[in-house]
Amino acid sequence: MAGYGRGGFGGFGGGNQMQQLMKQAQKMQAEMQKAQEELENAEIEGVAQGDAVKVIMNGKKVVSSISINPDYVDLDDIEMLEDLIVVALNDAYQKADEMNKQKMGNAGGLF
């Protein structure tokens, strides 16, 4: 039975190495949980055309508010306002993606 000699199962060695792996896994799990909480509590602002449209969302991309500056509202050009909302949403989504990469990348380095 090659591979199961003195070194233990599959090269894991003794119980000490297994304990170290378990501790490392628990640490990574705690870091992931912390990162998830930080993403939920984050407040990310996406904007379009200065302050024409602002979108607020958390790091998990849940939108909590959209603000529209009435100075930019032209009832004859609602399409422009719709475009500004899309731009602000996409800006916030991009920032949330960057935050996700940063937070989840720091949590264990595997994700």
PDB file of N, CA and C in Angstrom:
ATOM      1  N   MET A   1       0.828  -1.182   0.000  1.00  0.00           N
ATOM      2  CA  MET A   1       0.000   0.000   0.000  1.00  0.00           C
ATOM      3  C   MET A   1       0.868   1.239   0.000  1.00  0.00           C
ATOM      4  N   ALA A   2       1.317   1.597  -1.146  1.00  0.00           N
ATOM      5  CA  ALA A   2       2.204   2.744  -1.293  1.00  0.00           C
ATOM      6  C   ALA A   2       1.468   4.032  -0.944  1.00  0.00           C
ATOM      7  N   GLY A   3       2.191   4.975  -0.379  1.00  0.00           N
ATOM      8  CA  GLY A   3       1.624   6.284  -0.082  1.00  0.00           C
ATOM      9  C   GLY A   3       0.989   6.384   1.290  1.00  0.00           C
ATOM     10  N   TYR A   4       0.850   5.284   2.013  1.00  0.00           N
ATOM     11  CA  TYR A   4       0.205   5.343   3.315  1.00  0.00           C
ATOM     12  C   TYR A   4       1.142   4.892   4.423  1.00  0.00           C
ATOM     13  N   GLY A   5       2.416   5.102   4.260  1.00  0.00           N
ATOM     14  CA  GLY A   5       3.414   4.676   5.243  1.00  0.00           C
ATOM     15  C   GLY A   5       3.464   5.617   6.424  1.00  0.00           C
ATOM     16  N   ARG A   6       4.628   5.907   6.851  1.00  0.00           N
ATOM     17  CA  ARG A   6       4.844   6.702   8.062  1.00  0.00           C
ATOM     18  C   ARG A   6       4.297   8.125   7.949  1.00  0.00           C
ATOM     19  N   GLY A   7       4.192   8.627   6.745  1.00  0.00           N
ATOM     20  CA  GLY A   7       3.754  10.018   6.571  1.00  0.00           C
ATOM     21  C   GLY A   7       2.268  10.217   6.765  1.00  0.00           C
ATOM     22  N   GLY A   8       1.497   9.190   6.975  1.00  0.00           N
ATOM     23  CA  GLY A   8       0.065   9.349   7.166  1.00  0.00           C
ATOM     24  C   GLY A   8      -0.664   9.232   5.844  1.00  0.00           C
ATOM     25  N   PHE A   9      -1.878   9.669   5.803  1.00  0.00           N
ATOM     26  CA  PHE A   9      -2.719   9.525   4.620  1.00  0.00           C
ATOM     27  C   PHE A   9      -2.387  10.587   3.583  1.00  0.00           C
ATOM     28  N   GLY A  10      -1.987  10.130   2.418  1.00  0.00           N
ATOM     29  CA  GLY A  10      -1.774  11.033   1.287  1.00  0.00           C
ATOM     30  C   GLY A  10      -0.788  12.143   1.546  1.00  0.00           C
ATOM     31  N   GLY A  11       0.143  11.981   2.434  1.00  0.00           N
ATOM     32  CA  GLY A  11       1.158  12.997   2.663  1.00  0.00           C
ATOM     33  C   GLY A  11       0.751  14.071   3.649  1.00  0.00           C
ATOM     34  N   PHE A  12      -0.359  13.905   4.366  1.00  0.00           N
ATOM     35  CA  PHE A  12      -0.762  14.907   5.341  1.00  0.00           C
ATOM     36  C   PHE A  12       0.076  14.861   6.602  1.00  0.00           C
ATOM     37  N   GLY A  13       0.802  13.789   6.807  1.00  0.00           N
ATOM     38  CA  GLY A  13       1.638  13.703   7.997  1.00  0.00           C
ATOM     39  C   GLY A  13       0.792  13.400   9.209  1.00  0.00           C
ATOM     40  N   GLY A  14       1.267  13.800  10.358  1.00  0.00           N
ATOM     41  CA  GLY A  14       0.577  13.510  11.605  1.00  0.00           C
ATOM     42  C   GLY A  14      -0.616  14.416  11.830  1.00  0.00           C
ATOM     43  N   GLY A  15      -1.234  14.233  12.980  1.00  0.00           N
ATOM     44  CA  GLY A  15      -2.407  15.012  13.345  1.00  0.00           C
ATOM     45  C   GLY A  15      -2.123  16.489  13.471  1.00  0.00           C
ATOM     46  N   ASN A  16      -0.878  16.853  13.740  1.00  0.00           N
ATOM     47  CA  ASN A  16      -0.521  18.258  13.907  1.00  0.00           C
ATOM     48  C   ASN A  16      -0.759  19.044  12.610  1.00  0.00           C
ATOM     49  N   GLN A  17      -0.374  18.446  11.496  1.00  0.00           N
ATOM     50  CA  GLN A  17      -0.597  19.135  10.216  1.00  0.00           C
ATOM     51  C   GLN A  17      -2.080  19.261   9.922  1.00  0.00           C
ATOM     52  N   MET A  18      -2.855  18.246  10.259  1.00  0.00           N
ATOM     53  CA  MET A  18      -4.295  18.306  10.040  1.00  0.00           C
ATOM     54  C   MET A  18      -4.919  19.395  10.909  1.00  0.00           C
ATOM     55  N   GLN A  19      -4.431  19.527  12.146  1.00  0.00           N
ATOM     56  CA  GLN A  19      -4.929  20.585  13.033  1.00  0.00           C
ATOM     57  C   GLN A  19      -4.607  21.955  12.454  1.00  0.00           C
ATOM     58  N   GLN A  20      -3.402  22.095  11.896  1.00  0.00           N
ATOM     59  CA  GLN A  20      -3.016  23.371  11.277  1.00  0.00           C
ATOM     60  C   GLN A  20      -3.929  23.700  10.098  1.00  0.00           C
ATOM     61  N   LEU A  21      -4.233  22.687   9.288  1.00  0.00           N
ATOM     62  CA  LEU A  21      -5.146  22.902   8.153  1.00  0.00           C
ATOM     63  C   LEU A  21      -6.528  23.316   8.633  1.00  0.00           C
ATOM     64  N   MET A  22      -7.007  22.691   9.687  1.00  0.00           N
ATOM     65  CA  MET A  22      -8.319  23.034  10.239  1.00  0.00           C
ATOM     66  C   MET A  22      -8.318  24.463  10.782  1.00  0.00           C
ATOM     67  N   LYS A  23      -7.253  24.846  11.477  1.00  0.00           N
ATOM     68  CA  LYS A  23      -7.150  26.213  12.002  1.00  0.00           C
ATOM     69  C   LYS A  23      -7.133  27.218  10.862  1.00  0.00           C
ATOM     70  N   GLN A  24      -6.391  26.889   9.808  1.00  0.00           N
ATOM     71  CA  GLN A  24      -6.318  27.785   8.655  1.00  0.00           C
ATOM     72  C   GLN A  24      -7.681  27.907   7.988  1.00  0.00           C
ATOM     73  N   ALA A  25      -8.400  26.802   7.861  1.00  0.00           N
ATOM     74  CA  ALA A  25      -9.734  26.829   7.258  1.00  0.00           C
ATOM     75  C   ALA A  25     -10.698  27.654   8.109  1.00  0.00           C
ATOM     76  N   GLN A  26     -10.612  27.525   9.421  1.00  0.00           N
ATOM     77  CA  GLN A  26     -11.473  28.301  10.309  1.00  0.00           C
ATOM     78  C   GLN A  26     -11.152  29.786  10.218  1.00  0.00           C
ATOM     79  N   LYS A  27      -9.871  30.104  10.111  1.00  0.00           N
ATOM     80  CA  LYS A  27      -9.460  31.506   9.979  1.00  0.00           C
ATOM     81  C   LYS A  27      -9.996  32.093   8.673  1.00  0.00           C
ATOM     82  N   MET A  28      -9.877  31.328   7.597  1.00  0.00           N
ATOM     83  CA  MET A  28     -10.382  31.795   6.308  1.00  0.00           C
ATOM     84  C   MET A  28     -11.890  31.992   6.356  1.00  0.00           C
ATOM     85  N   GLN A  29     -12.596  31.092   7.019  1.00  0.00           N
ATOM     86  CA  GLN A  29     -14.047  31.207   7.137  1.00  0.00           C
ATOM     87  C   GLN A  29     -14.414  32.478   7.914  1.00  0.00           C
ATOM     88  N   ALA A  30     -13.691  32.759   8.984  1.00  0.00           N
ATOM     89  CA  ALA A  30     -13.951  33.970   9.768  1.00  0.00           C
ATOM     90  C   ALA A  30     -13.674  35.222   8.938  1.00  0.00           C
ATOM     91  N   GLU A  31     -12.602  35.205   8.154  1.00  0.00           N
ATOM     92  CA  GLU A  31     -12.278  36.348   7.298  1.00  0.00           C
ATOM     93  C   GLU A  31     -13.348  36.546   6.230  1.00  0.00           C
ATOM     94  N   MET A  32     -13.846  35.450   5.673  1.00  0.00           N
ATOM     95  CA  MET A  32     -14.909  35.542   4.666  1.00  0.00           C
ATOM     96  C   MET A  32     -16.170  36.136   5.285  1.00  0.00           C
ATOM     97  N   GLN A  33     -16.524  35.696   6.482  1.00  0.00           N
ATOM     98  CA  GLN A  33     -17.707  36.213   7.164  1.00  0.00           C
ATOM     99  C   GLN A  33     -17.564  37.709   7.417  1.00  0.00           C
ATOM    100  N   LYS A  34     -16.382  38.116   7.866  1.00  0.00           N
ATOM    101  CA  LYS A  34     -16.134  39.540   8.121  1.00  0.00           C
ATOM    102  C   LYS A  34     -16.246  40.344   6.816  1.00  0.00           C
ATOM    103  N   ALA A  35     -15.677  39.815   5.750  1.00  0.00           N
ATOM    104  CA  ALA A  35     -15.743  40.502   4.457  1.00  0.00           C
ATOM    105  C   ALA A  35     -17.190  40.624   3.986  1.00  0.00           C
ATOM    106  N   GLN A  36     -17.986  39.571   4.160  1.00  0.00           N
ATOM    107  CA  GLN A  36     -19.396  39.604   3.775  1.00  0.00           C
ATOM    108  C   GLN A  36     -20.148  40.690   4.550  1.00  0.00           C
ATOM    109  N   GLU A  37     -19.881  40.777   5.852  1.00  0.00           N
ATOM    110  CA  GLU A  37     -20.529  41.797   6.676  1.00  0.00           C
ATOM    111  C   GLU A  37     -20.123  43.198   6.240  1.00  0.00           C
ATOM    112  N   GLU A  38     -18.846  43.374   5.925  1.00  0.00           N
ATOM    113  CA  GLU A  38     -18.376  44.686   5.475  1.00  0.00           C
ATOM    114  C   GLU A  38     -19.049  45.069   4.162  1.00  0.00           C
ATOM    115  N   LEU A  39     -19.228  44.096   3.264  1.00  0.00           N
ATOM    116  CA  LEU A  39     -19.893  44.376   1.991  1.00  0.00           C
ATOM    117  C   LEU A  39     -21.357  44.759   2.212  1.00  0.00           C
ATOM    118  N   GLU A  40     -22.023  44.074   3.124  1.00  0.00           N
ATOM    119  CA  GLU A  40     -23.423  44.392   3.409  1.00  0.00           C
ATOM    120  C   GLU A  40     -23.569  45.783   4.004  1.00  0.00           C
ATOM    121  N   ASN A  41     -22.598  46.200   4.801  1.00  0.00           N
ATOM    122  CA  ASN A  41     -22.686  47.491   5.484  1.00  0.00           C
ATOM    123  C   ASN A  41     -22.075  48.643   4.696  1.00  0.00           C
ATOM    124  N   ALA A  42     -21.415  48.340   3.608  1.00  0.00           N
ATOM    125  CA  ALA A  42     -20.775  49.397   2.808  1.00  0.00           C
ATOM    126  C   ALA A  42     -21.833  50.265   2.139  1.00  0.00           C
ATOM    127  N   GLU A  43     -21.478  51.497   1.893  1.00  0.00           N
ATOM    128  CA  GLU A  43     -22.347  52.409   1.163  1.00  0.00           C
ATOM    129  C   GLU A  43     -21.571  52.933  -0.039  1.00  0.00           C
ATOM    130  N   ILE A  44     -22.008  52.523  -1.210  1.00  0.00           N
ATOM    131  CA  ILE A  44     -21.320  52.869  -2.452  1.00  0.00           C
ATOM    132  C   ILE A  44     -22.196  53.837  -3.234  1.00  0.00           C
ATOM    133  N   GLU A  45     -21.567  54.898  -3.730  1.00  0.00           N
ATOM    134  CA  GLU A  45     -22.306  55.903  -4.488  1.00  0.00           C
ATOM    135  C   GLU A  45     -21.895  55.839  -5.957  1.00  0.00           C
ATOM    136  N   GLY A  46     -22.870  55.715  -6.805  1.00  0.00           N
ATOM    137  CA  GLY A  46     -22.652  55.821  -8.241  1.00  0.00           C
ATOM    138  C   GLY A  46     -23.261  57.122  -8.718  1.00  0.00           C
ATOM    139  N   VAL A  47     -22.577  57.801  -9.621  1.00  0.00           N
ATOM    140  CA  VAL A  47     -23.066  59.102 -10.079  1.00  0.00           C
ATOM    141  C   VAL A  47     -23.055  59.181 -11.598  1.00  0.00           C
ATOM    142  N   ALA A  48     -23.860  60.108 -12.091  1.00  0.00           N
ATOM    143  CA  ALA A  48     -23.879  60.408 -13.520  1.00  0.00           C
ATOM    144  C   ALA A  48     -23.954  61.911 -13.692  1.00  0.00           C
ATOM    145  N   GLN A  49     -23.169  62.399 -14.600  1.00  0.00           N
ATOM    146  CA  GLN A  49     -23.145  63.817 -14.961  1.00  0.00           C
ATOM    147  C   GLN A  49     -23.089  64.706 -13.717  1.00  0.00           C
ATOM    148  N   GLY A  50     -21.996  64.565 -12.996  1.00  0.00           N
ATOM    149  CA  GLY A  50     -21.804  65.363 -11.780  1.00  0.00           C
ATOM    150  C   GLY A  50     -22.747  64.917 -10.695  1.00  0.00           C
ATOM    151  N   ASP A  51     -23.780  65.697 -10.464  1.00  0.00           N
ATOM    152  CA  ASP A  51     -24.747  65.343  -9.419  1.00  0.00           C
ATOM    153  C   ASP A  51     -26.157  65.180  -9.982  1.00  0.00           C
ATOM    154  N   ALA A  52     -26.254  64.937 -11.283  1.00  0.00           N
ATOM    155  CA  ALA A  52     -27.578  64.803 -11.899  1.00  0.00           C
ATOM    156  C   ALA A  52     -28.330  63.619 -11.325  1.00  0.00           C
ATOM    157  N   VAL A  53     -27.663  62.472 -11.245  1.00  0.00           N
ATOM    158  CA  VAL A  53     -28.275  61.265 -10.694  1.00  0.00           C
ATOM    159  C   VAL A  53     -27.259  60.597  -9.776  1.00  0.00           C
ATOM    160  N   LYS A  54     -27.718  60.229  -8.585  1.00  0.00           N
ATOM    161  CA  LYS A  54     -26.876  59.503  -7.639  1.00  0.00           C
ATOM    162  C   LYS A  54     -27.603  58.225  -7.221  1.00  0.00           C
ATOM    163  N   VAL A  55     -26.853  57.144  -7.181  1.00  0.00           N
ATOM    164  CA  VAL A  55     -27.380  55.855  -6.745  1.00  0.00           C
ATOM    165  C   VAL A  55     -26.564  55.403  -5.545  1.00  0.00           C
ATOM    166  N   ILE A  56     -27.245  54.959  -4.505  1.00  0.00           N
ATOM    167  CA  ILE A  56     -26.578  54.413  -3.327  1.00  0.00           C
ATOM    168  C   ILE A  56     -26.930  52.923  -3.252  1.00  0.00           C
ATOM    169  N   MET A  57     -25.879  52.098  -3.098  1.00  0.00           N
ATOM    170  CA  MET A  57     -26.076  50.660  -2.924  1.00  0.00           C
ATOM    171  C   MET A  57     -25.029  50.138  -1.960  1.00  0.00           C
ATOM    172  N   ASN A  58     -25.240  48.914  -1.494  1.00  0.00           N
ATOM    173  CA  ASN A  58     -24.225  48.314  -0.645  1.00  0.00           C
ATOM    174  C   ASN A  58     -23.284  47.469  -1.493  1.00  0.00           C
ATOM    175  N   GLY A  59     -22.301  46.853  -0.855  1.00  0.00           N
ATOM    176  CA  GLY A  59     -21.309  46.068  -1.579  1.00  0.00           C
ATOM    177  C   GLY A  59     -21.858  44.792  -2.184  1.00  0.00           C
ATOM    178  N   LYS A  60     -23.080  44.433  -1.816  1.00  0.00           N
ATOM    179  CA  LYS A  60     -23.727  43.262  -2.396  1.00  0.00           C
ATOM    180  C   LYS A  60     -24.681  43.666  -3.519  1.00  0.00           C
ATOM    181  N   LYS A  61     -24.589  44.909  -3.945  1.00  0.00           N
ATOM    182  CA  LYS A  61     -25.336  45.464  -5.070  1.00  0.00           C
ATOM    183  C   LYS A  61     -26.834  45.583  -4.817  1.00  0.00           C
ATOM    184  N   VAL A  62     -27.187  45.858  -3.575  1.00  0.00           N
ATOM    185  CA  VAL A  62     -28.578  46.115  -3.247  1.00  0.00           C
ATOM    186  C   VAL A  62     -28.749  47.638  -3.201  1.00  0.00           C
ATOM    187  N   VAL A  63     -29.581  48.167  -4.103  1.00  0.00           N
ATOM    188  CA  VAL A  63     -29.793  49.611  -4.203  1.00  0.00           C
ATOM    189  C   VAL A  63     -30.696  50.062  -3.063  1.00  0.00           C
ATOM    190  N   SER A  64     -30.248  51.103  -2.347  1.00  0.00           N
ATOM    191  CA  SER A  64     -31.056  51.638  -1.255  1.00  0.00           C
ATOM    192  C   SER A  64     -31.704  52.969  -1.614  1.00  0.00           C
ATOM    193  N   SER A  65     -31.107  53.700  -2.565  1.00  0.00           N
ATOM    194  CA  SER A  65     -31.734  54.962  -2.961  1.00  0.00           C
ATOM    195  C   SER A  65     -31.224  55.434  -4.321  1.00  0.00           C
ATOM    196  N   ILE A  66     -32.070  56.212  -4.951  1.00  0.00           N
ATOM    197  CA  ILE A  66     -31.718  56.913  -6.193  1.00  0.00           C
ATOM    198  C   ILE A  66     -32.167  58.357  -6.020  1.00  0.00           C
ATOM    199  N   SER A  67     -31.241  59.283  -6.241  1.00  0.00           N
ATOM    200  CA  SER A  67     -31.553  60.709  -6.128  1.00  0.00           C
ATOM    201  C   SER A  67     -31.412  61.355  -7.496  1.00  0.00           C
ATOM    202  N   ILE A  68     -32.399  62.163  -7.844  1.00  0.00           N
ATOM    203  CA  ILE A  68     -32.378  62.862  -9.128  1.00  0.00           C
ATOM    204  C   ILE A  68     -32.451  64.351  -8.863  1.00  0.00           C
ATOM    205  N   ASN A  69     -31.458  65.072  -9.357  1.00  0.00           N
ATOM    206  CA  ASN A  69     -31.420  66.515  -9.203  1.00  0.00           C
ATOM    207  C   ASN A  69     -32.457  67.109 -10.159  1.00  0.00           C
ATOM    208  N   PRO A  70     -33.455  67.822  -9.631  1.00  0.00           N
ATOM    209  CA  PRO A  70     -34.521  68.353 -10.493  1.00  0.00           C
ATOM    210  C   PRO A  70     -34.029  69.328 -11.555  1.00  0.00           C
ATOM    211  N   ASP A  71     -32.844  69.911 -11.343  1.00  0.00           N
ATOM    212  CA  ASP A  71     -32.300  70.832 -12.343  1.00  0.00           C
ATOM    213  C   ASP A  71     -32.002  70.128 -13.663  1.00  0.00           C
ATOM    214  N   TYR A  72     -31.844  68.823 -13.612  1.00  0.00           N
ATOM    215  CA  TYR A  72     -31.502  68.068 -14.811  1.00  0.00           C
ATOM    216  C   TYR A  72     -32.713  67.388 -15.447  1.00  0.00           C
ATOM    217  N   VAL A  73     -33.875  67.575 -14.865  1.00  0.00           N
ATOM    218  CA  VAL A  73     -35.071  66.908 -15.388  1.00  0.00           C
ATOM    219  C   VAL A  73     -35.681  67.776 -16.480  1.00  0.00           C
ATOM    220  N   ASP A  74     -35.746  67.217 -17.668  1.00  0.00           N
ATOM    221  CA  ASP A  74     -36.385  67.866 -18.807  1.00  0.00           C
ATOM    222  C   ASP A  74     -37.513  66.944 -19.251  1.00  0.00           C
ATOM    223  N   LEU A  75     -38.741  67.352 -18.988  1.00  0.00           N
ATOM    224  CA  LEU A  75     -39.883  66.498 -19.308  1.00  0.00           C
ATOM    225  C   LEU A  75     -39.982  66.175 -20.799  1.00  0.00           C
ATOM    226  N   ASP A  76     -39.338  66.988 -21.628  1.00  0.00           N
ATOM    227  CA  ASP A  76     -39.332  66.710 -23.063  1.00  0.00           C
ATOM    228  C   ASP A  76     -38.239  65.718 -23.443  1.00  0.00           C
ATOM    229  N   ASP A  77     -37.376  65.380 -22.486  1.00  0.00           N
ATOM    230  CA  ASP A  77     -36.275  64.452 -22.782  1.00  0.00           C
ATOM    231  C   ASP A  77     -36.109  63.448 -21.631  1.00  0.00           C
ATOM    232  N   ILE A  78     -37.150  62.690 -21.383  1.00  0.00           N
ATOM    233  CA  ILE A  78     -37.120  61.670 -20.322  1.00  0.00           C
ATOM    234  C   ILE A  78     -36.069  60.608 -20.642  1.00  0.00           C
ATOM    235  N   GLU A  79     -35.837  60.373 -21.925  1.00  0.00           N
ATOM    236  CA  GLU A  79     -34.844  59.373 -22.334  1.00  0.00           C
ATOM    237  C   GLU A  79     -33.457  59.704 -21.771  1.00  0.00           C
ATOM    238  N   MET A  80     -33.109  60.987 -21.730  1.00  0.00           N
ATOM    239  CA  MET A  80     -31.819  61.409 -21.175  1.00  0.00           C
ATOM    240  C   MET A  80     -31.749  61.068 -19.695  1.00  0.00           C
ATOM    241  N   LEU A  81     -32.831  61.316 -18.965  1.00  0.00           N
ATOM    242  CA  LEU A  81     -32.874  60.993 -17.544  1.00  0.00           C
ATOM    243  C   LEU A  81     -32.725  59.485 -17.329  1.00  0.00           C
ATOM    244  N   GLU A  82     -33.390  58.704 -18.155  1.00  0.00           N
ATOM    245  CA  GLU A  82     -33.270  57.250 -18.064  1.00  0.00           C
ATOM    246  C   GLU A  82     -31.828  56.810 -18.305  1.00  0.00           C
ATOM    247  N   ASP A  83     -31.189  57.425 -19.280  1.00  0.00           N
ATOM    248  CA  ASP A  83     -29.784  57.103 -19.568  1.00  0.00           C
ATOM    249  C   ASP A  83     -28.878  57.456 -18.385  1.00  0.00           C
ATOM    250  N   LEU A  84     -29.148  58.589 -17.749  1.00  0.00           N
ATOM    251  CA  LEU A  84     -28.348  59.000 -16.594  1.00  0.00           C
ATOM    252  C   LEU A  84     -28.517  58.020 -15.425  1.00  0.00           C
ATOM    253  N   ILE A  85     -29.723  57.511 -15.250  1.00  0.00           N
ATOM    254  CA  ILE A  85     -29.956  56.519 -14.195  1.00  0.00           C
ATOM    255  C   ILE A  85     -29.150  55.258 -14.476  1.00  0.00           C
ATOM    256  N   VAL A  86     -29.148  54.826 -15.719  1.00  0.00           N
ATOM    257  CA  VAL A  86     -28.372  53.634 -16.099  1.00  0.00           C
ATOM    258  C   VAL A  86     -26.883  53.869 -15.859  1.00  0.00           C
ATOM    259  N   VAL A  87     -26.377  55.036 -16.231  1.00  0.00           N
ATOM    260  CA  VAL A  87     -24.964  55.358 -16.031  1.00  0.00           C
ATOM    261  C   VAL A  87     -24.618  55.339 -14.540  1.00  0.00           C
ATOM    262  N   ALA A  88     -25.468  55.944 -13.715  1.00  0.00           N
ATOM    263  CA  ALA A  88     -25.213  55.976 -12.275  1.00  0.00           C
ATOM    264  C   ALA A  88     -25.248  54.564 -11.680  1.00  0.00           C
ATOM    265  N   LEU A  89     -26.203  53.745 -12.108  1.00  0.00           N
ATOM    266  CA  LEU A  89     -26.264  52.356 -11.638  1.00  0.00           C
ATOM    267  C   LEU A  89     -25.012  51.595 -12.037  1.00  0.00           C
ATOM    268  N   ASN A  90     -24.605  51.725 -13.282  1.00  0.00           N
ATOM    269  CA  ASN A  90     -23.415  51.015 -13.746  1.00  0.00           C
ATOM    270  C   ASN A  90     -22.157  51.482 -13.019  1.00  0.00           C
ATOM    271  N   ASP A  91     -22.095  52.762 -12.707  1.00  0.00           N
ATOM    272  CA  ASP A  91     -20.966  53.290 -11.943  1.00  0.00           C
ATOM    273  C   ASP A  91     -20.927  52.647 -10.551  1.00  0.00           C
ATOM    274  N   ALA A  92     -22.072  52.577  -9.909  1.00  0.00           N
ATOM    275  CA  ALA A  92     -22.131  51.965  -8.579  1.00  0.00           C
ATOM    276  C   ALA A  92     -21.818  50.475  -8.647  1.00  0.00           C
ATOM    277  N   TYR A  93     -22.332  49.779  -9.662  1.00  0.00           N
ATOM    278  CA  TYR A  93     -22.050  48.347  -9.817  1.00  0.00           C
ATOM    279  C   TYR A  93     -20.555  48.095  -9.993  1.00  0.00           C
ATOM    280  N   GLN A  94     -19.907  48.931 -10.798  1.00  0.00           N
ATOM    281  CA  GLN A  94     -18.472  48.782 -11.011  1.00  0.00           C
ATOM    282  C   GLN A  94     -17.704  48.966  -9.702  1.00  0.00           C
ATOM    283  N   LYS A  95     -18.083  49.976  -8.937  1.00  0.00           N
ATOM    284  CA  LYS A  95     -17.433  50.214  -7.647  1.00  0.00           C
ATOM    285  C   LYS A  95     -17.693  49.062  -6.681  1.00  0.00           C
ATOM    286  N   ALA A  96     -18.897  48.507  -6.708  1.00  0.00           N
ATOM    287  CA  ALA A  96     -19.216  47.362  -5.847  1.00  0.00           C
ATOM    288  C   ALA A  96     -18.389  46.144  -6.254  1.00  0.00           C
ATOM    289  N   ASP A  97     -18.209  45.943  -7.565  1.00  0.00           N
ATOM    290  CA  ASP A  97     -17.378  44.835  -8.032  1.00  0.00           C
ATOM    291  C   ASP A  97     -15.943  44.979  -7.545  1.00  0.00           C
ATOM    292  N   GLU A  98     -15.415  46.195  -7.632  1.00  0.00           N
ATOM    293  CA  GLU A  98     -14.052  46.447  -7.165  1.00  0.00           C
ATOM    294  C   GLU A  98     -13.937  46.176  -5.661  1.00  0.00           C
ATOM    295  N   MET A  99     -14.947  46.622  -4.904  1.00  0.00           N
ATOM    296  CA  MET A  99     -14.926  46.389  -3.466  1.00  0.00           C
ATOM    297  C   MET A  99     -15.016  44.891  -3.169  1.00  0.00           C
ATOM    298  N   ASN A 100     -15.848  44.178  -3.920  1.00  0.00           N
ATOM    299  CA  ASN A 100     -15.965  42.728  -3.736  1.00  0.00           C
ATOM    300  C   ASN A 100     -14.635  42.037  -3.978  1.00  0.00           C
ATOM    301  N   LYS A 101     -13.963  42.395  -5.050  1.00  0.00           N
ATOM    302  CA  LYS A 101     -12.665  41.791  -5.340  1.00  0.00           C
ATOM    303  C   LYS A 101     -11.673  42.074  -4.219  1.00  0.00           C
ATOM    304  N   GLN A 102     -11.674  43.301  -3.749  1.00  0.00           N
ATOM    305  CA  GLN A 102     -10.742  43.683  -2.687  1.00  0.00           C
ATOM    306  C   GLN A 102     -11.053  42.935  -1.393  1.00  0.00           C
ATOM    307  N   LYS A 103     -12.299  42.960  -0.977  1.00  0.00           N
ATOM    308  CA  LYS A 103     -12.671  42.348   0.305  1.00  0.00           C
ATOM    309  C   LYS A 103     -12.566  40.830   0.257  1.00  0.00           C
ATOM    310  N   MET A 104     -13.065  40.217  -0.800  1.00  0.00           N
ATOM    311  CA  MET A 104     -13.062  38.778  -0.869  1.00  0.00           C
ATOM    312  C   MET A 104     -11.659  38.246  -1.195  1.00  0.00           C
ATOM    313  N   GLY A 105     -10.870  39.040  -1.897  1.00  0.00           N
ATOM    314  CA  GLY A 105      -9.501  38.649  -2.172  1.00  0.00           C
ATOM    315  C   GLY A 105      -8.660  38.650  -0.901  1.00  0.00           C
ATOM    316  N   ASN A 106      -8.963  39.582  -0.004  1.00  0.00           N
ATOM    317  CA  ASN A 106      -8.233  39.647   1.261  1.00  0.00           C
ATOM    318  C   ASN A 106      -8.656  38.540   2.217  1.00  0.00           C
ATOM    319  N   ALA A 107      -9.815  37.990   2.014  1.00  0.00           N
ATOM    320  CA  ALA A 107     -10.344  36.967   2.930  1.00  0.00           C
ATOM    321  C   ALA A 107      -9.854  35.592   2.479  1.00  0.00           C
ATOM    322  N   GLY A 108      -8.655  35.279   2.837  1.00  0.00           N
ATOM    323  CA  GLY A 108      -8.133  33.954   2.555  1.00  0.00           C
ATOM    324  C   GLY A 108      -7.269  33.873   1.319  1.00  0.00           C
ATOM    325  N   GLY A 109      -7.403  34.834   0.445  1.00  0.00           N
ATOM    326  CA  GLY A 109      -6.553  34.847  -0.732  1.00  0.00           C
ATOM    327  C   GLY A 109      -6.900  33.819  -1.794  1.00  0.00           C
ATOM    328  N   LEU A 110      -7.979  33.094  -1.624  1.00  0.00           N
ATOM    329  CA  LEU A 110      -8.326  32.075  -2.605  1.00  0.00           C
ATOM    330  C   LEU A 110      -9.427  32.520  -3.546  1.00  0.00           C
ATOM    331  N   PHE A 111     -10.142  33.569  -3.226  1.00  0.00           N
ATOM    332  CA  PHE A 111     -11.323  33.932  -4.008  1.00  0.00           C
ATOM    333  C   PHE A 111     -11.097  35.213  -4.754  1.00  0.00           C
TER     334      PHE A 111
END
